[in-house]
Protein backbone atom coordinates (compact mmCIF):
# COMPACT_ATOMS: atom_id res chain seq x y z
CA UNK A 1 -29.12 51.50 -86.84
CA UNK A 2 -30.62 55.32 -86.38
CA UNK A 3 -29.47 58.13 -87.97
CA UNK A 4 -30.58 61.84 -89.15
CA UNK A 5 -30.26 62.80 -92.83
CA UNK A 6 -27.77 65.42 -93.45
CA UNK A 7 -28.01 65.40 -96.93
CA UNK A 8 -30.35 64.20 -100.11
CA UNK A 9 -29.19 64.21 -103.73
CA UNK A 10 -31.99 62.02 -104.86
CA UNK A 11 -31.08 58.60 -105.27
CA UNK A 12 -28.26 58.91 -102.37
CA UNK A 13 -28.39 60.45 -98.33
CA UNK A 14 -25.57 61.62 -95.91
CA UNK A 15 -26.74 59.97 -92.78
CA UNK A 16 -25.38 60.78 -89.48
CA UNK A 17 -25.31 57.76 -86.95
CA UNK A 18 -26.01 58.42 -83.02
CA UNK A 19 -21.72 58.49 -82.51
CA UNK A 20 -21.32 61.09 -85.19
CA UNK A 21 -20.09 58.92 -88.16
CA UNK A 22 -21.79 59.57 -91.58
CA UNK A 23 -22.57 57.02 -94.02
CA UNK A 24 -23.92 57.01 -97.42
CA UNK A 25 -27.37 55.16 -97.69
CA UNK A 26 -29.91 54.17 -100.26
CA UNK A 27 -33.72 53.82 -99.91
CA UNK A 28 -35.16 50.43 -99.63
CA UNK A 29 -37.48 50.18 -102.41
CA UNK A 30 -40.93 49.26 -100.50
CA UNK A 31 -40.23 52.97 -98.72
CA UNK A 32 -41.54 54.63 -101.98
CA UNK A 33 -44.71 52.26 -101.76
CA UNK A 34 -45.16 52.31 -97.49
CA UNK A 35 -44.84 55.98 -97.28
CA UNK A 36 -48.36 57.75 -96.39
CA UNK A 37 -47.04 61.13 -97.71
CA UNK A 38 -47.67 60.75 -101.49
CA UNK A 39 -44.40 62.56 -102.52
CA UNK A 40 -41.52 62.38 -105.05
CA UNK A 41 -39.10 62.07 -102.26
CA UNK A 42 -40.04 59.31 -99.55
CA UNK A 43 -36.88 60.57 -97.33
CA UNK A 44 -35.94 64.05 -96.74
CA UNK A 45 -33.31 66.11 -95.29
CA UNK A 46 -34.23 66.44 -91.21
CA UNK A 47 -35.74 63.09 -91.02
CA UNK A 48 -34.44 60.67 -88.34
CA UNK A 49 -34.28 57.20 -90.22
CA UNK A 50 -33.49 53.46 -89.27
CA UNK A 51 -30.50 51.86 -91.68
CA UNK A 52 -28.91 48.77 -92.33
CA UNK A 53 -25.21 48.43 -92.41
CA UNK A 54 -24.29 47.38 -96.12
CA UNK A 55 -20.43 47.59 -95.67
CA UNK A 56 -18.85 48.71 -92.70
CA UNK A 57 -15.44 49.52 -93.98
CA UNK A 58 -16.90 52.32 -96.72
CA UNK A 59 -19.97 53.02 -94.47
CA UNK A 60 -22.88 52.47 -96.67
CA UNK A 61 -26.25 51.30 -95.63
CA UNK A 62 -29.71 50.66 -96.71
CA UNK A 63 -32.38 53.14 -95.13
CA UNK A 64 -35.16 51.05 -94.15
CA UNK A 65 -37.53 53.18 -92.20
CA UNK A 66 -38.34 56.73 -91.24
CA UNK A 67 -39.16 57.68 -87.91
CA UNK A 68 -42.48 59.90 -87.25
CA UNK A 69 -42.04 63.43 -88.25
CA UNK A 70 -42.55 66.48 -85.77
CA UNK A 71 -43.46 68.33 -88.99
CA UNK A 72 -42.33 68.93 -92.63
CA UNK A 73 -42.63 71.46 -95.05
CA UNK A 74 -43.53 70.84 -99.07
CA UNK A 75 -43.81 72.31 -102.27
CA UNK A 76 -45.32 71.35 -105.70
CA UNK A 77 -42.85 68.45 -107.16
CA UNK A 78 -41.11 70.46 -109.72
CA UNK A 79 -41.42 66.75 -111.75
CA UNK A 80 -44.97 66.51 -111.34
CA UNK A 81 -47.36 69.14 -110.36
CA UNK A 82 -49.78 67.01 -108.71
CA UNK A 83 -47.08 65.30 -106.34
CA UNK A 84 -45.53 66.95 -103.40
CA UNK A 85 -42.06 67.36 -102.78
CA UNK A 86 -41.17 67.29 -99.14
CA UNK A 87 -38.30 70.12 -98.78
CA UNK A 88 -37.50 69.09 -95.15
CA UNK A 89 -38.73 67.84 -92.13
CA UNK A 90 -38.33 68.36 -88.12
CA UNK A 91 -37.91 71.87 -88.44
CA UNK A 92 -38.07 74.73 -85.68
CA UNK A 93 -37.67 77.94 -88.05
CA UNK A 94 -38.49 78.53 -91.70
CA UNK A 95 -36.39 81.51 -92.86
CA UNK A 96 -37.28 82.88 -96.16
CA UNK A 97 -34.40 85.13 -97.88
CA UNK A 98 -35.78 87.59 -100.27
CA UNK A 99 -34.59 90.58 -102.20
CA UNK A 100 -36.16 93.76 -103.01
CA UNK A 101 -33.60 94.16 -106.11
CA UNK A 102 -31.21 91.96 -108.00
CA UNK A 103 -33.26 90.37 -107.97
CA UNK A 104 -36.72 91.07 -106.93
CA UNK A 105 -38.75 88.95 -104.70
CA UNK A 106 -42.66 89.33 -105.21
CA UNK A 107 -44.87 89.26 -102.20
CA UNK A 108 -47.29 86.96 -103.50
CA UNK A 109 -44.27 84.42 -103.41
CA UNK A 110 -43.46 85.85 -100.04
CA UNK A 111 -47.10 85.22 -98.90
CA UNK A 112 -47.11 81.65 -100.48
CA UNK A 113 -43.99 80.58 -98.47
CA UNK A 114 -45.67 81.87 -95.23
CA UNK A 115 -48.77 80.19 -95.56
CA UNK A 116 -47.03 76.95 -96.32
CA UNK A 117 -45.16 77.57 -93.13
CA UNK A 118 -48.31 78.25 -91.52
CA UNK A 119 -50.32 74.73 -92.72
CA UNK A 120 -47.35 73.32 -91.36
CA UNK A 121 -47.24 74.52 -88.08
CA UNK A 122 -43.51 75.95 -88.70
CA UNK A 123 -42.37 79.42 -87.34
CA UNK A 124 -41.59 81.67 -90.33
CA UNK A 125 -39.28 84.48 -90.44
CA UNK A 126 -38.19 87.04 -93.61
CA UNK A 127 -34.82 87.82 -94.17
CA UNK A 128 -34.48 90.69 -96.34
CA UNK A 129 -30.90 90.64 -98.22
CA UNK A 130 -28.98 93.24 -100.04
CA UNK A 131 -30.12 96.25 -98.26
CA UNK A 132 -26.75 97.62 -99.05
CA UNK A 133 -27.79 98.16 -102.55
CA UNK A 134 -31.04 99.81 -101.72
CA UNK A 135 -32.11 103.48 -103.14
CA UNK A 136 -34.77 105.59 -101.42
CA UNK A 137 -37.52 104.24 -103.29
CA UNK A 138 -36.76 100.57 -102.56
CA UNK A 139 -35.84 101.59 -98.98
CA UNK A 140 -39.61 102.96 -98.94
CA UNK A 141 -40.56 99.32 -100.04
CA UNK A 142 -38.69 97.80 -97.21
CA UNK A 143 -39.85 99.62 -94.72
CA UNK A 144 -43.44 99.13 -96.26
CA UNK A 145 -42.66 95.32 -96.17
CA UNK A 146 -41.70 95.72 -92.62
CA UNK A 147 -44.81 97.40 -91.70
CA UNK A 148 -47.12 94.67 -93.49
CA UNK A 149 -45.42 91.81 -92.72
CA UNK A 150 -44.95 93.17 -88.81
CA UNK A 151 -48.83 93.86 -88.76
CA UNK A 152 -49.12 90.24 -89.44
CA UNK A 153 -47.03 89.28 -86.62
CA UNK A 154 -43.87 87.86 -88.49
CA UNK A 155 -40.28 89.26 -87.90
CA UNK A 156 -38.12 90.95 -90.88
CA UNK A 157 -34.36 90.74 -90.84
CA UNK A 158 -32.88 93.67 -92.89
CA UNK A 159 -29.10 91.97 -93.68
CA UNK A 160 -26.30 92.45 -96.00
CA UNK A 161 -24.76 88.79 -96.10
CA UNK A 162 -21.60 90.50 -97.26
CA UNK A 163 -21.61 92.17 -93.76
CA UNK A 164 -21.49 90.08 -90.82
CA UNK A 165 -21.85 92.82 -88.78
CA UNK A 166 -25.69 93.08 -89.69
CA UNK A 167 -26.20 89.65 -89.13
CA UNK A 168 -26.21 89.70 -84.98
CA UNK A 169 -29.87 89.68 -84.50
CA UNK A 170 -30.78 86.93 -86.96
CA UNK A 171 -27.26 84.70 -85.58
CA UNK A 172 -29.60 85.07 -82.35
CA UNK A 173 -32.85 84.02 -83.50
CA UNK A 174 -31.28 80.54 -85.04
CA UNK A 175 -29.25 79.63 -82.27
CA UNK A 176 -30.02 76.27 -81.10
CA UNK A 177 -32.71 75.59 -83.54
CA UNK A 178 -32.80 73.69 -86.95
CA UNK A 179 -33.45 76.50 -89.33
CA UNK A 180 -34.56 75.94 -93.45
CA UNK A 181 -33.31 78.85 -95.28
CA UNK A 182 -35.20 78.95 -98.70
CA UNK A 183 -35.51 81.57 -101.27
CA UNK A 184 -35.18 82.55 -105.01
CA UNK A 185 -31.68 81.60 -106.81
CA UNK A 186 -29.69 84.81 -106.77
CA UNK A 187 -31.12 86.35 -103.60
CA UNK A 188 -27.87 85.70 -101.78
CA UNK A 189 -29.06 82.56 -99.43
CA UNK A 190 -25.58 80.85 -99.90
CA UNK A 191 -23.56 84.10 -99.45
CA UNK A 192 -25.59 84.32 -96.25
CA UNK A 193 -24.99 80.94 -95.05
CA UNK A 194 -21.31 81.16 -95.58
CA UNK A 195 -21.16 83.91 -93.39
CA UNK A 196 -23.22 82.27 -90.42
CA UNK A 197 -21.03 78.77 -91.01
CA UNK A 198 -17.20 79.84 -91.69
CA UNK A 199 -15.57 77.17 -93.54
CA UNK A 200 -18.49 75.96 -95.26
CA UNK A 201 -17.94 77.37 -98.72
CA UNK A 202 -21.32 76.85 -100.55
CA UNK A 203 -20.83 77.91 -103.92
CA UNK A 204 -22.33 81.17 -104.94
CA UNK A 205 -23.24 82.78 -107.95
CA UNK A 206 -24.46 86.26 -109.27
CA UNK A 207 -27.41 87.26 -110.71
CA UNK A 208 -27.74 87.01 -114.52
CA UNK A 209 -27.05 90.52 -115.79
CA UNK A 210 -29.15 90.32 -118.70
CA UNK A 211 -32.26 88.56 -117.18
CA UNK A 212 -32.14 89.92 -113.85
CA UNK A 213 -32.70 86.31 -112.52
CA UNK A 214 -30.81 84.41 -110.04
CA UNK A 215 -28.83 81.23 -111.57
CA UNK A 216 -29.05 78.15 -109.25
CA UNK A 217 -26.24 76.95 -107.27
CA UNK A 218 -27.60 74.65 -104.86
CA UNK A 219 -28.98 71.66 -106.45
CA UNK A 220 -29.96 69.39 -103.02
CA UNK A 221 -31.34 70.15 -99.91
CA UNK A 222 -28.21 69.77 -97.43
CA UNK A 223 -28.09 70.16 -93.26
CA UNK A 224 -25.05 71.85 -91.71
CA UNK A 225 -24.43 72.13 -87.82
CA UNK A 226 -23.99 75.57 -86.23
CA UNK A 227 -20.64 76.21 -84.17
CA UNK A 228 -22.78 77.67 -81.24
CA UNK A 229 -25.68 74.81 -81.45
CA UNK A 230 -28.43 74.29 -83.53
CA UNK A 231 -28.56 73.47 -87.76
CA UNK A 232 -28.95 74.92 -91.07
CA UNK A 233 -30.82 73.41 -93.81
CA UNK A 234 -29.82 74.92 -97.28
CA UNK A 235 -32.56 74.02 -100.10
CA UNK A 236 -32.25 74.83 -103.79
CA UNK A 237 -33.43 78.08 -105.27
CA UNK A 238 -36.79 77.98 -106.35
CA UNK A 239 -38.48 79.67 -108.73
CA UNK A 240 -42.14 79.54 -107.92
CA UNK A 241 -43.66 78.08 -104.40
CA UNK A 242 -46.76 76.07 -105.69
CA UNK A 243 -49.15 75.28 -103.19
CA UNK A 244 -50.76 71.87 -103.07
CA UNK A 245 -53.65 70.42 -101.05
CA UNK A 246 -54.99 74.05 -99.91
CA UNK A 247 -58.86 74.35 -99.78
CA UNK A 248 -60.38 77.74 -100.31
CA UNK A 249 -62.42 77.22 -97.02
CA UNK A 250 -59.47 77.35 -94.86
CA UNK A 251 -56.95 79.61 -96.44
CA UNK A 252 -57.65 82.31 -94.64
CA UNK A 253 -56.56 80.43 -91.63
CA UNK A 254 -53.07 80.40 -92.72
CA UNK A 255 -53.11 84.44 -92.64
CA UNK A 256 -52.78 85.02 -88.89
CA UNK A 257 -53.78 88.68 -89.06
CA UNK A 258 -57.21 87.20 -90.66
CA UNK A 259 -56.88 83.96 -88.51
CA UNK A 260 -57.39 86.53 -85.35
CA UNK A 261 -60.60 88.71 -87.22
CA UNK A 262 -62.42 86.07 -88.87
CA UNK A 263 -63.72 84.17 -85.64
CA UNK A 264 -66.02 88.02 -85.74
CA UNK A 265 -67.61 87.23 -88.81
CA UNK A 266 -71.09 87.11 -89.05
CA UNK A 267 -70.98 83.45 -91.19
CA UNK A 268 -68.64 80.59 -90.34
CA UNK A 269 -68.11 79.63 -93.82
CA UNK A 270 -67.21 83.22 -94.62
CA UNK A 271 -64.51 83.75 -97.71
CA UNK A 272 -64.08 87.29 -96.86
CA UNK A 273 -65.14 88.52 -100.41
CA UNK A 274 -68.48 89.63 -100.78
CA UNK A 275 -70.31 88.29 -97.40
CA UNK A 276 -72.15 90.76 -95.28
CA UNK A 277 -70.80 91.22 -91.58
CA UNK A 278 -67.13 89.92 -92.66
CA UNK A 279 -64.83 91.35 -90.02
CA UNK A 280 -61.70 90.46 -92.30
CA UNK A 281 -62.89 92.99 -94.65
CA UNK A 282 -63.75 95.47 -91.79
CA UNK A 283 -60.60 94.93 -90.79
CA UNK A 284 -59.00 96.24 -94.00
CA UNK A 285 -61.36 99.29 -94.09
CA UNK A 286 -59.76 100.14 -90.51
CA UNK A 287 -56.41 99.11 -91.79
CA UNK A 288 -55.72 96.88 -88.78
CA UNK A 289 -55.09 93.99 -91.98
CA UNK A 290 -52.97 95.34 -94.74
CA UNK A 291 -54.70 95.68 -97.80
CA UNK A 292 -51.88 94.21 -99.81
CA UNK A 293 -52.28 91.05 -97.75
CA UNK A 294 -56.08 90.98 -98.55
CA UNK A 295 -55.34 91.68 -102.38
CA UNK A 296 -52.77 88.87 -102.24
CA UNK A 297 -55.44 86.64 -100.32
CA UNK A 298 -57.96 87.05 -102.77
CA UNK A 299 -55.44 86.14 -105.48
CA UNK A 300 -54.54 83.11 -104.23
CA UNK A 301 -57.95 82.38 -103.34
CA UNK A 302 -58.64 82.57 -107.05
CA UNK A 303 -56.04 80.25 -108.16
CA UNK A 304 -57.09 77.55 -105.73
CA UNK A 305 -60.72 78.13 -107.25
CA UNK A 306 -59.41 77.88 -110.69
CA UNK A 307 -57.54 74.70 -110.01
CA UNK A 308 -61.02 72.87 -108.81
CA UNK A 309 -63.12 74.69 -111.29
């Protein structure tokens, strides 16, 4: 039988067959060996799988194969820094839910997520939540983010998850798409999804008062059908978004604003640091490329160089 993976708990998967029935399925052992991607999870939410029926009454099955993926997005495995963990597959849109306060999301984290989405050919947008509690200084940060990420070609949606009237544009953006939601614990991702999916009742928690950090609420990936068409993939909150399998020579390709400029660099292998005739550095000087984004690029480049040193 063929089905679509809606939920992963690590050892069991919830699979919807072509008639809309849900099955609890396990992985056949050889999948862990045959999988081309060296990952800690050979099957991910969003995968189309082939499974054999084990018990038709209680609807259990054994996954024997995974169909070719249109795309997928990975991060460094939380259990093994040398392995990938597939967050989800067959994604039309990746939404990064962030906050300027309670808790603060760093632009470094945002950039690492956007780079990963670019590398795996997944369009990404930024959703800034909790805008109702921003004071003037923090509103200035919001406007700065809108400017620098807008210059890079990204959409930024300021919202207040508890106020449904602020979600209209976002709802239109995700209709009829399979959209992945990611972000730090505590940024309000679960509250936002509960508003977009009335009746889903995904657990939410407040940010820890003494640490200012979010507490994990979602412990596994899960997909939900949108009432108007499309799907949402909810993912566990992440503390860091570690890059894996990135080469320093290719990094600038995943900054859209740099990708447009780098074709005018004097040297084909320009790293945009000290090379003469660098169009990217000229773009920073001309303010057509955000200095903040360039600084982030350099920091990430250095982290890659240290890894391979």
